[in-house]
Amino acid sequence: PDALPLPLKTTSCVVKGVDPKATYVARVRLGNQSGWGPDSPASKSLTLASLLPTAPAAPLLEAVDKTSLRVHFSLPPVRPGASANGNVTVHVKAGDGAWQAVDATSST
């Protein structure tokens, strides 16, 4: 794909016509009247053929009372062509103990 300058207020763009089986990385750079600056570091790679959900960001824990905690999490965007995220599992562990699944459906 051709590199086309975008207005600075733009912070994302859609790249069409890519090979879904290829693995892509991206980088950006800024320009002004003096010319173009250096390239950004490369992004993490992405293969569109992989339609599994991406990992959510690290959850945030909140103390509810002396024996309860709340796990806050954000859902990542759904990858193009993938079905919507329909399920979630939450696991917790204490210290060096084993990860334990939490009944996330009854917890609020």
Protein backbone atom coordinates (compact mmCIF):
# COMPACT_ATOMS: atom_id res chain seq x y z
CA PRO A 1 0.00 0.00 0.00
CA ASP A 2 1.06 3.55 -0.71
CA ALA A 3 2.03 5.87 2.14
CA LEU A 4 -0.23 8.90 2.09
CA PRO A 5 0.21 11.87 4.44
CA LEU A 6 -2.69 12.31 6.87
CA PRO A 7 -3.73 15.43 8.79
CA LEU A 8 -2.09 15.51 12.22
CA LYS A 9 -5.48 15.33 13.97
CA THR A 10 -5.83 11.76 12.61
CA THR A 11 -4.60 9.08 14.98
CA SER A 12 -5.67 5.96 13.08
CA CYS A 13 -6.17 4.77 9.53
CA VAL A 14 -7.64 1.71 7.79
CA VAL A 15 -5.35 -0.18 5.43
CA LYS A 16 -7.44 -2.04 2.85
CA GLY A 17 -6.54 -4.84 0.49
CA VAL A 18 -4.02 -6.60 2.71
CA ASP A 19 -3.32 -10.34 2.54
CA PRO A 20 -5.13 -11.90 5.54
CA LYS A 21 -2.50 -14.67 5.80
CA ALA A 22 0.47 -12.27 5.95
CA THR A 23 1.81 -10.90 9.22
CA TYR A 24 1.93 -7.10 9.35
CA VAL A 25 3.63 -4.48 11.49
CA ALA A 26 3.24 -0.72 11.24
CA ARG A 27 5.23 2.39 12.02
CA VAL A 28 4.43 6.09 11.75
CA ARG A 29 6.36 9.34 11.51
CA LEU A 30 5.52 12.99 11.78
CA GLY A 31 6.34 15.78 9.40
CA ASN A 32 6.24 19.55 9.42
CA GLN A 33 7.60 22.41 7.32
CA SER A 34 11.16 21.33 8.14
CA GLY A 35 10.67 17.80 6.83
CA TRP A 36 10.00 14.35 8.19
CA GLY A 37 11.10 13.13 11.61
CA PRO A 38 12.30 9.61 12.44
CA ASP A 39 10.06 6.55 12.23
CA SER A 40 8.30 5.31 15.35
CA PRO A 41 9.22 1.92 16.72
CA ALA A 42 7.37 -0.88 14.92
CA SER A 43 4.02 -2.05 16.30
CA LYS A 44 3.37 -5.54 17.54
CA SER A 45 2.59 -7.86 14.64
CA LEU A 46 -0.91 -8.81 13.50
CA THR A 47 -2.14 -11.58 11.21
CA LEU A 48 -5.76 -11.03 10.18
CA ALA A 49 -6.27 -14.75 9.60
CA SER A 50 -6.01 -15.17 13.35
CA LEU A 51 -9.53 -14.31 14.47
CA LEU A 52 -9.20 -15.37 18.09
CA PRO A 53 -9.95 -12.55 20.51
CA THR A 54 -7.02 -10.39 21.54
CA ALA A 55 -6.01 -10.36 25.19
CA PRO A 56 -7.70 -7.77 27.39
CA ALA A 57 -5.60 -5.21 29.20
CA ALA A 58 -4.45 -6.12 32.71
CA PRO A 59 -7.40 -6.03 35.13
CA LEU A 60 -7.67 -3.64 38.05
CA LEU A 61 -8.46 -4.97 41.52
CA GLU A 62 -10.66 -3.08 43.99
CA ALA A 63 -11.22 -3.91 47.66
CA VAL A 64 -14.96 -4.30 48.32
CA ASP A 65 -14.77 -5.26 52.01
CA LYS A 66 -12.51 -7.30 54.32
CA THR A 67 -13.12 -10.56 52.43
CA SER A 68 -14.13 -9.51 48.90
CA LEU A 69 -12.45 -7.95 45.89
CA ARG A 70 -13.82 -6.76 42.57
CA VAL A 71 -11.99 -7.40 39.28
CA HIS A 72 -12.46 -4.60 36.74
CA PHE A 73 -11.57 -5.31 33.12
CA SER A 74 -12.02 -3.77 29.67
CA LEU A 75 -12.94 -5.68 26.56
CA PRO A 76 -10.55 -5.29 23.63
CA PRO A 77 -11.92 -4.41 20.18
CA VAL A 78 -13.26 -7.31 18.11
CA ARG A 79 -10.96 -8.21 15.24
CA PRO A 80 -12.39 -7.64 11.75
CA GLY A 81 -14.18 -10.75 10.51
CA ALA A 82 -14.29 -12.31 13.98
CA SER A 83 -17.48 -12.96 15.86
CA ALA A 84 -18.24 -10.75 18.83
CA ASN A 85 -16.67 -11.68 22.16
CA GLY A 86 -19.40 -13.62 23.94
CA ASN A 87 -17.71 -15.21 26.93
CA VAL A 88 -15.29 -14.22 29.66
CA THR A 89 -13.46 -16.15 32.33
CA VAL A 90 -11.87 -14.52 35.34
CA HIS A 91 -9.13 -16.22 37.35
CA VAL A 92 -7.50 -15.08 40.59
CA LYS A 93 -4.61 -16.39 42.66
CA ALA A 94 -3.27 -15.58 46.09
CA GLY A 95 0.49 -15.19 46.33
CA ASP A 96 2.28 -18.17 44.78
CA GLY A 97 -0.89 -20.29 44.84
CA ALA A 98 -2.70 -21.78 41.88
CA TRP A 99 -4.96 -19.78 39.58
CA GLN A 100 -8.63 -20.33 40.44
CA ALA A 101 -11.61 -19.65 38.18
CA VAL A 102 -14.18 -17.19 39.56
CA ASP A 103 -17.91 -17.41 38.97
CA ALA A 104 -18.00 -14.16 36.99
CA THR A 105 -21.68 -14.49 36.08
CA SER A 106 -22.91 -14.17 39.66
CA SER A 107 -20.33 -11.60 40.73
CA THR A 108 -21.09 -7.91 40.32
